[in-house]
N, C-alpha and C. Protein backbone atom coordinates (compact mmCIF):
# COMPACT_ATOMS: atom_id res chain seq x y z
N MET A 1 0.84 -1.18 0.00
CA MET A 1 0.00 0.00 0.00
C MET A 1 0.89 1.24 0.00
N PHE A 2 0.56 2.20 -0.86
CA PHE A 2 1.28 3.46 -0.96
C PHE A 2 0.34 4.58 -0.53
N THR A 3 0.89 5.54 0.21
CA THR A 3 0.09 6.68 0.66
C THR A 3 0.54 7.93 -0.09
N VAL A 4 -0.42 8.63 -0.68
CA VAL A 4 -0.18 9.87 -1.41
C VAL A 4 -0.86 11.00 -0.66
N LEU A 5 -0.10 12.05 -0.34
CA LEU A 5 -0.68 13.27 0.22
C LEU A 5 -0.91 14.21 -0.96
N LEU A 6 -2.16 14.47 -1.25
CA LEU A 6 -2.59 15.29 -2.38
C LEU A 6 -2.97 16.68 -1.87
N VAL A 7 -2.34 17.73 -2.45
CA VAL A 7 -2.56 19.09 -1.96
C VAL A 7 -2.86 20.01 -3.14
N ASP A 8 -4.03 20.65 -3.10
CA ASP A 8 -4.39 21.65 -4.11
C ASP A 8 -5.47 22.53 -3.53
N ASP A 9 -5.37 23.84 -3.76
CA ASP A 9 -6.38 24.78 -3.25
C ASP A 9 -7.63 24.80 -4.12
N ASP A 10 -7.57 24.25 -5.32
CA ASP A 10 -8.72 24.20 -6.22
C ASP A 10 -9.49 22.90 -5.94
N SER A 11 -10.69 23.04 -5.40
CA SER A 11 -11.46 21.86 -4.99
C SER A 11 -11.76 20.93 -6.17
N MET A 12 -11.93 21.50 -7.37
CA MET A 12 -12.20 20.66 -8.53
C MET A 12 -11.00 19.77 -8.86
N VAL A 13 -9.81 20.35 -8.83
CA VAL A 13 -8.60 19.58 -9.11
C VAL A 13 -8.37 18.55 -8.00
N LEU A 14 -8.61 18.94 -6.77
CA LEU A 14 -8.45 18.03 -5.64
C LEU A 14 -9.37 16.82 -5.80
N ARG A 15 -10.64 17.06 -6.12
CA ARG A 15 -11.60 15.95 -6.31
C ARG A 15 -11.21 15.08 -7.49
N PHE A 16 -10.83 15.71 -8.60
CA PHE A 16 -10.44 14.96 -9.80
C PHE A 16 -9.26 14.03 -9.51
N CYS A 17 -8.19 14.59 -8.95
CA CYS A 17 -6.99 13.80 -8.67
C CYS A 17 -7.27 12.71 -7.64
N ALA A 18 -8.02 13.05 -6.60
CA ALA A 18 -8.35 12.06 -5.57
C ALA A 18 -9.15 10.91 -6.16
N CYS A 19 -10.06 11.25 -7.05
CA CYS A 19 -10.89 10.22 -7.69
C CYS A 19 -10.03 9.28 -8.53
N VAL A 20 -9.14 9.84 -9.34
CA VAL A 20 -8.27 9.02 -10.18
C VAL A 20 -7.33 8.17 -9.32
N LEU A 21 -6.69 8.80 -8.34
CA LEU A 21 -5.73 8.08 -7.50
C LEU A 21 -6.40 6.98 -6.68
N SER A 22 -7.61 7.23 -6.20
CA SER A 22 -8.30 6.23 -5.39
C SER A 22 -8.68 5.00 -6.20
N ARG A 23 -8.71 5.12 -7.51
CA ARG A 23 -9.00 3.97 -8.37
C ARG A 23 -7.74 3.18 -8.73
N MET A 24 -6.59 3.66 -8.29
CA MET A 24 -5.34 2.93 -8.53
C MET A 24 -5.20 1.85 -7.46
N GLU A 25 -4.78 0.69 -7.88
CA GLU A 25 -4.60 -0.42 -6.95
C GLU A 25 -3.49 -0.09 -5.96
N GLY A 26 -3.76 -0.31 -4.68
CA GLY A 26 -2.75 -0.15 -3.66
C GLY A 26 -2.38 1.27 -3.29
N VAL A 27 -3.27 2.23 -3.59
CA VAL A 27 -2.98 3.63 -3.28
C VAL A 27 -4.03 4.16 -2.30
N GLN A 28 -3.55 4.77 -1.23
CA GLN A 28 -4.39 5.45 -0.25
C GLN A 28 -4.13 6.94 -0.42
N VAL A 29 -5.18 7.76 -0.41
CA VAL A 29 -5.05 9.20 -0.65
C VAL A 29 -5.46 9.97 0.60
N ILE A 30 -4.59 10.91 0.99
CA ILE A 30 -4.89 11.88 2.04
C ILE A 30 -4.96 13.23 1.34
N GLN A 31 -5.99 14.04 1.63
CA GLN A 31 -6.19 15.30 0.92
C GLN A 31 -6.02 16.51 1.83
N ALA A 32 -5.44 17.57 1.28
CA ALA A 32 -5.34 18.85 1.96
C ALA A 32 -5.56 19.96 0.94
N SER A 33 -6.15 21.06 1.39
CA SER A 33 -6.45 22.16 0.47
C SER A 33 -5.47 23.33 0.59
N SER A 34 -4.43 23.17 1.41
CA SER A 34 -3.41 24.21 1.51
C SER A 34 -2.10 23.60 1.99
N GLY A 35 -1.02 24.33 1.80
CA GLY A 35 0.27 23.85 2.27
C GLY A 35 0.31 23.75 3.78
N ALA A 36 -0.28 24.73 4.46
CA ALA A 36 -0.30 24.71 5.92
C ALA A 36 -1.09 23.50 6.44
N GLU A 37 -2.23 23.21 5.82
CA GLU A 37 -3.03 22.05 6.22
C GLU A 37 -2.24 20.76 5.99
N ALA A 38 -1.52 20.70 4.88
CA ALA A 38 -0.72 19.51 4.56
C ALA A 38 0.38 19.28 5.60
N ILE A 39 1.04 20.35 6.02
CA ILE A 39 2.08 20.23 7.04
C ILE A 39 1.46 19.72 8.34
N GLY A 40 0.31 20.26 8.71
CA GLY A 40 -0.38 19.79 9.92
C GLY A 40 -0.74 18.32 9.84
N LEU A 41 -1.27 17.89 8.70
CA LEU A 41 -1.62 16.48 8.53
C LEU A 41 -0.38 15.60 8.59
N ALA A 42 0.68 16.01 7.90
CA ALA A 42 1.90 15.20 7.86
C ALA A 42 2.56 15.13 9.23
N ALA A 43 2.52 16.23 9.96
CA ALA A 43 3.15 16.26 11.28
C ALA A 43 2.43 15.35 12.27
N SER A 44 1.12 15.19 12.10
CA SER A 44 0.35 14.35 13.02
C SER A 44 0.09 12.94 12.50
N CYS A 45 0.48 12.67 11.28
CA CYS A 45 0.21 11.38 10.64
C CYS A 45 1.30 10.37 10.97
N GLU A 46 0.90 9.24 11.50
CA GLU A 46 1.88 8.19 11.82
C GLU A 46 2.18 7.30 10.61
N THR A 47 1.33 7.36 9.61
CA THR A 47 1.50 6.57 8.40
C THR A 47 2.64 7.14 7.56
N GLN A 48 3.39 6.26 6.93
CA GLN A 48 4.43 6.73 5.99
C GLN A 48 3.73 7.38 4.80
N ILE A 49 4.18 8.56 4.41
CA ILE A 49 3.67 9.23 3.21
C ILE A 49 4.70 8.98 2.12
N ASP A 50 4.30 8.22 1.11
CA ASP A 50 5.23 7.82 0.05
C ASP A 50 5.41 8.90 -1.01
N LEU A 51 4.35 9.69 -1.25
CA LEU A 51 4.41 10.68 -2.31
C LEU A 51 3.65 11.93 -1.90
N LEU A 52 4.29 13.08 -2.08
CA LEU A 52 3.62 14.38 -1.97
C LEU A 52 3.28 14.80 -3.38
N LEU A 53 1.99 14.95 -3.67
CA LEU A 53 1.51 15.45 -4.96
C LEU A 53 0.85 16.79 -4.68
N SER A 54 1.53 17.88 -5.06
CA SER A 54 1.06 19.20 -4.68
C SER A 54 1.09 20.19 -5.83
N ASP A 55 0.10 21.07 -5.82
CA ASP A 55 0.11 22.23 -6.70
C ASP A 55 1.25 23.13 -6.23
N ILE A 56 1.86 23.85 -7.15
CA ILE A 56 2.95 24.76 -6.77
C ILE A 56 2.40 26.07 -6.22
N THR A 57 1.44 26.66 -6.92
CA THR A 57 0.93 27.98 -6.56
C THR A 57 -0.36 27.84 -5.78
N MET A 58 -0.28 28.19 -4.49
CA MET A 58 -1.46 28.14 -3.62
C MET A 58 -1.47 29.40 -2.75
N PRO A 59 -2.67 29.86 -2.37
CA PRO A 59 -2.72 31.03 -1.50
C PRO A 59 -2.17 30.68 -0.11
N GLY A 60 -1.76 31.70 0.59
CA GLY A 60 -1.23 31.49 1.94
C GLY A 60 0.28 31.52 1.93
N ALA A 61 0.83 31.27 3.08
CA ALA A 61 2.28 31.41 3.27
C ALA A 61 3.08 30.21 2.76
N VAL A 62 2.42 29.07 2.52
CA VAL A 62 3.14 27.85 2.16
C VAL A 62 2.82 27.45 0.73
N SER A 63 3.77 27.63 -0.18
CA SER A 63 3.60 27.21 -1.58
C SER A 63 3.91 25.71 -1.68
N GLY A 64 3.68 25.16 -2.85
CA GLY A 64 4.02 23.76 -3.08
C GLY A 64 5.52 23.51 -2.96
N ILE A 65 6.32 24.48 -3.40
CA ILE A 65 7.79 24.33 -3.29
C ILE A 65 8.21 24.40 -1.82
N ASP A 66 7.59 25.32 -1.06
CA ASP A 66 7.87 25.38 0.38
C ASP A 66 7.49 24.06 1.06
N LEU A 67 6.35 23.53 0.67
CA LEU A 67 5.87 22.28 1.24
C LEU A 67 6.82 21.13 0.93
N ALA A 68 7.25 21.03 -0.32
CA ALA A 68 8.19 19.98 -0.72
C ALA A 68 9.52 20.11 0.03
N THR A 69 9.97 21.34 0.23
CA THR A 69 11.20 21.59 0.99
C THR A 69 11.03 21.14 2.44
N TRP A 70 9.87 21.44 3.03
CA TRP A 70 9.58 20.99 4.39
C TRP A 70 9.62 19.46 4.47
N PHE A 71 9.01 18.81 3.49
CA PHE A 71 9.01 17.35 3.46
C PHE A 71 10.43 16.80 3.37
N GLY A 72 11.29 17.47 2.61
CA GLY A 72 12.67 17.04 2.48
C GLY A 72 13.39 17.00 3.81
N ARG A 73 13.03 17.92 4.71
CA ARG A 73 13.64 17.96 6.05
C ARG A 73 12.91 17.06 7.04
N ALA A 74 11.59 17.13 7.07
CA ALA A 74 10.80 16.43 8.09
C ALA A 74 10.52 14.97 7.74
N ARG A 75 10.38 14.66 6.46
CA ARG A 75 10.07 13.31 5.99
C ARG A 75 10.90 13.02 4.75
N PRO A 76 12.21 12.84 4.93
CA PRO A 76 13.11 12.75 3.78
C PRO A 76 12.86 11.58 2.82
N GLY A 77 12.12 10.58 3.21
CA GLY A 77 11.84 9.46 2.31
C GLY A 77 10.69 9.69 1.36
N THR A 78 9.99 10.81 1.52
CA THR A 78 8.82 11.09 0.70
C THR A 78 9.24 11.61 -0.67
N ARG A 79 8.69 11.00 -1.72
CA ARG A 79 8.94 11.47 -3.09
C ARG A 79 8.06 12.69 -3.36
N VAL A 80 8.45 13.50 -4.34
CA VAL A 80 7.75 14.76 -4.63
C VAL A 80 7.33 14.81 -6.09
N LEU A 81 6.06 15.12 -6.31
CA LEU A 81 5.51 15.38 -7.64
C LEU A 81 4.73 16.68 -7.54
N LEU A 82 5.25 17.75 -8.17
CA LEU A 82 4.59 19.04 -8.16
C LEU A 82 3.83 19.24 -9.47
N MET A 83 2.73 19.99 -9.40
CA MET A 83 1.93 20.24 -10.60
C MET A 83 1.56 21.72 -10.64
N SER A 84 1.39 22.22 -11.87
CA SER A 84 0.99 23.61 -12.04
C SER A 84 0.48 23.84 -13.45
N GLY A 85 -0.43 24.78 -13.56
CA GLY A 85 -0.92 25.23 -14.86
C GLY A 85 -0.37 26.60 -15.22
N TRP A 86 0.43 27.17 -14.32
CA TRP A 86 0.97 28.51 -14.52
C TRP A 86 2.48 28.45 -14.51
N ARG A 87 3.07 28.75 -15.67
CA ARG A 87 4.54 28.79 -15.76
C ARG A 87 4.95 29.98 -16.59
N ASP A 88 5.83 30.79 -16.03
CA ASP A 88 6.35 31.94 -16.76
C ASP A 88 7.65 31.59 -17.48
N GLY A 89 8.20 30.44 -17.19
CA GLY A 89 9.46 30.02 -17.79
C GLY A 89 9.84 28.67 -17.22
N PRO A 90 11.05 28.24 -17.49
CA PRO A 90 11.49 26.94 -17.00
C PRO A 90 11.56 26.91 -15.47
N LEU A 91 11.21 25.78 -14.90
CA LEU A 91 11.28 25.59 -13.46
C LEU A 91 12.63 24.99 -13.10
N ALA A 92 13.23 25.51 -12.06
CA ALA A 92 14.49 24.96 -11.56
C ALA A 92 14.16 24.16 -10.30
N LEU A 93 13.85 22.89 -10.48
CA LEU A 93 13.50 22.01 -9.37
C LEU A 93 14.65 21.03 -9.12
N PRO A 94 14.79 20.57 -7.89
CA PRO A 94 15.80 19.53 -7.62
C PRO A 94 15.58 18.32 -8.53
N ALA A 95 16.66 17.65 -8.86
CA ALA A 95 16.61 16.53 -9.81
C ALA A 95 15.70 15.40 -9.35
N ASP A 96 15.52 15.23 -8.05
CA ASP A 96 14.69 14.12 -7.57
C ASP A 96 13.22 14.50 -7.41
N TRP A 97 12.84 15.72 -7.76
CA TRP A 97 11.44 16.13 -7.77
C TRP A 97 10.90 15.96 -9.19
N HIS A 98 9.63 15.63 -9.28
CA HIS A 98 8.97 15.46 -10.58
C HIS A 98 7.97 16.59 -10.79
N PHE A 99 7.63 16.84 -12.06
CA PHE A 99 6.71 17.92 -12.39
C PHE A 99 5.67 17.43 -13.39
N LEU A 100 4.42 17.85 -13.17
CA LEU A 100 3.29 17.52 -14.03
C LEU A 100 2.58 18.81 -14.40
N GLU A 101 2.52 19.11 -15.70
CA GLU A 101 1.87 20.33 -16.15
C GLU A 101 0.36 20.11 -16.29
N LYS A 102 -0.42 21.05 -15.76
CA LYS A 102 -1.87 21.03 -15.90
C LYS A 102 -2.25 21.71 -17.21
N PRO A 103 -3.33 21.37 -17.82
CA PRO A 103 -4.24 20.28 -17.46
C PRO A 103 -3.67 18.94 -17.91
N PHE A 104 -4.18 17.87 -17.34
CA PHE A 104 -3.73 16.53 -17.70
C PHE A 104 -4.91 15.57 -17.64
N LEU A 105 -4.76 14.47 -18.35
CA LEU A 105 -5.76 13.41 -18.37
C LEU A 105 -5.44 12.39 -17.28
N PRO A 106 -6.40 11.58 -16.89
CA PRO A 106 -6.16 10.57 -15.85
C PRO A 106 -4.95 9.67 -16.14
N ASP A 107 -4.81 9.21 -17.38
CA ASP A 107 -3.69 8.32 -17.72
C ASP A 107 -2.34 8.99 -17.46
N ARG A 108 -2.25 10.29 -17.72
CA ARG A 108 -1.00 11.03 -17.50
C ARG A 108 -0.71 11.14 -16.00
N LEU A 109 -1.74 11.42 -15.20
CA LEU A 109 -1.58 11.48 -13.75
C LEU A 109 -1.08 10.15 -13.22
N ILE A 110 -1.68 9.07 -13.66
CA ILE A 110 -1.27 7.73 -13.21
C ILE A 110 0.18 7.46 -13.58
N ALA A 111 0.56 7.77 -14.83
CA ALA A 111 1.93 7.54 -15.28
C ALA A 111 2.93 8.34 -14.46
N GLU A 112 2.62 9.61 -14.17
CA GLU A 112 3.53 10.46 -13.41
C GLU A 112 3.65 10.00 -11.96
N VAL A 113 2.55 9.56 -11.36
CA VAL A 113 2.61 9.04 -9.99
C VAL A 113 3.48 7.79 -9.96
N ASN A 114 3.27 6.90 -10.92
CA ASN A 114 4.09 5.68 -11.00
C ASN A 114 5.56 6.02 -11.15
N GLU A 115 5.87 6.97 -12.03
CA GLU A 115 7.26 7.36 -12.26
C GLU A 115 7.87 7.99 -11.02
N ALA A 116 7.12 8.88 -10.37
CA ALA A 116 7.63 9.54 -9.17
C ALA A 116 7.92 8.54 -8.06
N LEU A 117 7.11 7.52 -7.95
CA LEU A 117 7.34 6.48 -6.95
C LEU A 117 8.45 5.52 -7.36
N GLY A 118 8.85 5.60 -8.61
CA GLY A 118 9.94 4.75 -9.08
C GLY A 118 9.55 3.30 -9.24
N ARG A 119 8.30 3.06 -9.38
CA ARG A 119 7.81 1.68 -9.54
C ARG A 119 6.41 1.69 -10.12
N ARG A 120 5.96 0.54 -10.45
CA ARG A 120 4.63 0.36 -11.00
C ARG A 120 3.65 0.18 -9.85
N VAL A 121 2.80 1.16 -9.61
CA VAL A 121 1.85 1.08 -8.51
C VAL A 121 0.61 0.32 -8.92
N GLY A 122 0.11 0.55 -10.12
CA GLY A 122 -1.10 -0.13 -10.57
C GLY A 122 -1.87 0.70 -11.55
N GLN A 123 -2.74 0.06 -12.26
CA GLN A 123 -3.59 0.72 -13.23
C GLN A 123 -4.87 1.17 -12.54
N VAL A 124 -5.65 1.96 -13.23
CA VAL A 124 -6.96 2.34 -12.72
C VAL A 124 -7.79 1.07 -12.64
N ALA A 125 -8.45 0.89 -11.51
CA ALA A 125 -9.22 -0.33 -11.28
C ALA A 125 -10.30 -0.52 -12.34
N ASP A 126 -10.94 0.56 -12.75
CA ASP A 126 -11.96 0.50 -13.79
C ASP A 126 -11.28 0.90 -15.10
N SER A 127 -11.19 -0.01 -16.05
CA SER A 127 -10.45 0.27 -17.28
C SER A 127 -11.03 1.42 -18.09
N ALA A 128 -12.28 1.74 -17.89
CA ALA A 128 -12.88 2.88 -18.59
C ALA A 128 -12.61 4.14 -17.77
N VAL A 129 -11.51 4.81 -18.07
CA VAL A 129 -11.10 5.99 -17.32
C VAL A 129 -12.21 7.03 -17.30
N GLY A 130 -13.02 7.07 -18.32
CA GLY A 130 -14.10 8.05 -18.40
C GLY A 130 -15.16 7.87 -17.35
N ASN A 131 -15.14 6.74 -16.64
CA ASN A 131 -16.12 6.51 -15.59
C ASN A 131 -15.73 7.16 -14.27
N VAL A 132 -14.70 7.99 -14.28
CA VAL A 132 -14.31 8.70 -13.07
C VAL A 132 -15.39 9.73 -12.81
N GLY A 133 -16.39 9.35 -12.03
CA GLY A 133 -17.62 10.11 -11.89
C GLY A 133 -17.48 11.54 -11.45
N VAL A 134 -16.73 11.80 -10.40
CA VAL A 134 -16.63 13.16 -9.88
C VAL A 134 -16.01 14.09 -10.92
N CYS A 135 -15.20 13.57 -11.80
CA CYS A 135 -14.54 14.39 -12.82
C CYS A 135 -15.54 14.92 -13.83
N ALA A 136 -16.59 14.18 -14.06
CA ALA A 136 -17.58 14.58 -15.06
C ALA A 136 -18.41 15.77 -14.59
N GLU A 137 -18.34 16.11 -13.29
CA GLU A 137 -19.09 17.24 -12.78
C GLU A 137 -18.49 18.57 -13.20
N SER A 138 -17.22 18.58 -13.54
CA SER A 138 -16.50 19.82 -13.81
C SER A 138 -16.92 20.46 -15.12
N ARG A 139 -17.10 21.77 -15.08
CA ARG A 139 -17.38 22.51 -16.31
C ARG A 139 -16.09 22.82 -17.05
N GLU A 140 -14.99 22.99 -16.32
CA GLU A 140 -13.73 23.32 -16.94
C GLU A 140 -13.06 22.12 -17.58
N TRP A 141 -13.29 20.94 -17.02
CA TRP A 141 -12.54 19.78 -17.48
C TRP A 141 -13.41 18.54 -17.35
N LYS A 142 -13.98 18.09 -18.43
CA LYS A 142 -14.82 16.91 -18.40
C LYS A 142 -14.08 15.74 -19.01
N VAL A 143 -14.07 14.64 -18.30
CA VAL A 143 -13.45 13.44 -18.82
C VAL A 143 -14.53 12.62 -19.49
N GLN A 144 -14.37 12.41 -20.77
CA GLN A 144 -15.35 11.66 -21.54
C GLN A 144 -14.61 10.57 -22.30
N GLY A 145 -14.78 9.33 -21.87
CA GLY A 145 -14.00 8.25 -22.46
C GLY A 145 -12.55 8.49 -22.15
N ARG A 146 -11.70 8.57 -23.16
CA ARG A 146 -10.28 8.81 -22.95
C ARG A 146 -9.86 10.20 -23.40
N GLY A 147 -10.83 11.09 -23.64
CA GLY A 147 -10.49 12.45 -24.07
C GLY A 147 -10.96 13.47 -23.06
N ALA A 148 -10.55 14.71 -23.24
CA ALA A 148 -10.97 15.77 -22.34
C ALA A 148 -11.42 16.97 -23.14
N ALA A 149 -12.46 17.61 -22.68
CA ALA A 149 -12.93 18.84 -23.32
C ALA A 149 -12.76 19.96 -22.33
N GLU A 150 -12.01 20.98 -22.71
CA GLU A 150 -11.80 22.11 -21.83
C GLU A 150 -12.71 23.26 -22.25
N ALA A 151 -13.23 23.95 -21.27
CA ALA A 151 -14.08 25.11 -21.54
C ALA A 151 -13.92 26.10 -20.41
N GLY A 152 -14.61 27.19 -20.48
CA GLY A 152 -14.58 28.14 -19.37
C GLY A 152 -13.24 28.82 -19.25
N SER A 153 -12.41 28.36 -18.34
CA SER A 153 -11.13 29.01 -18.06
C SER A 153 -10.01 28.52 -18.97
N GLY A 154 -10.34 27.94 -20.09
CA GLY A 154 -9.32 27.47 -21.01
C GLY A 154 -8.71 26.15 -20.58
N GLY A 155 -9.34 25.47 -19.62
CA GLY A 155 -8.85 24.17 -19.20
C GLY A 155 -7.70 24.22 -18.22
N LYS A 156 -7.23 25.40 -17.84
CA LYS A 156 -6.13 25.49 -16.87
C LYS A 156 -6.66 25.17 -15.49
N LEU A 157 -6.04 24.23 -14.84
CA LEU A 157 -6.47 23.83 -13.50
C LEU A 157 -5.44 24.20 -12.49
């Protein structure tokens, strides 16, 4: 069993990622909506957190990069996968951190999580990725079969 701490201030992205990750075999998901909340959860959590999956840009004092840096000191065995839809240029991240650009499809999220963990965690339990129900509620990003239709905010999550 692998534990992923998922952090994003956008509730739609949080629900989408949690839904996809929870359908992966052997993955347990813990959710937080801010960097500060994530630090609180991690500090009080006795379970090993195998992967931090966090948005980079979040409101408040703790960004995704700050959070990943904290994890490097407090929980050095935790792998890091950062995601963002906003980039002004190339990111200078440590070599052992991974990056996922938004928007992304479920298959891409699964592949990046597997790569960040350095092993094969598992496929989506339901082979029809489009059946990720909570994802279909989104107006900005609807998963239909194996494709995505972006509307509204241009699909940036």
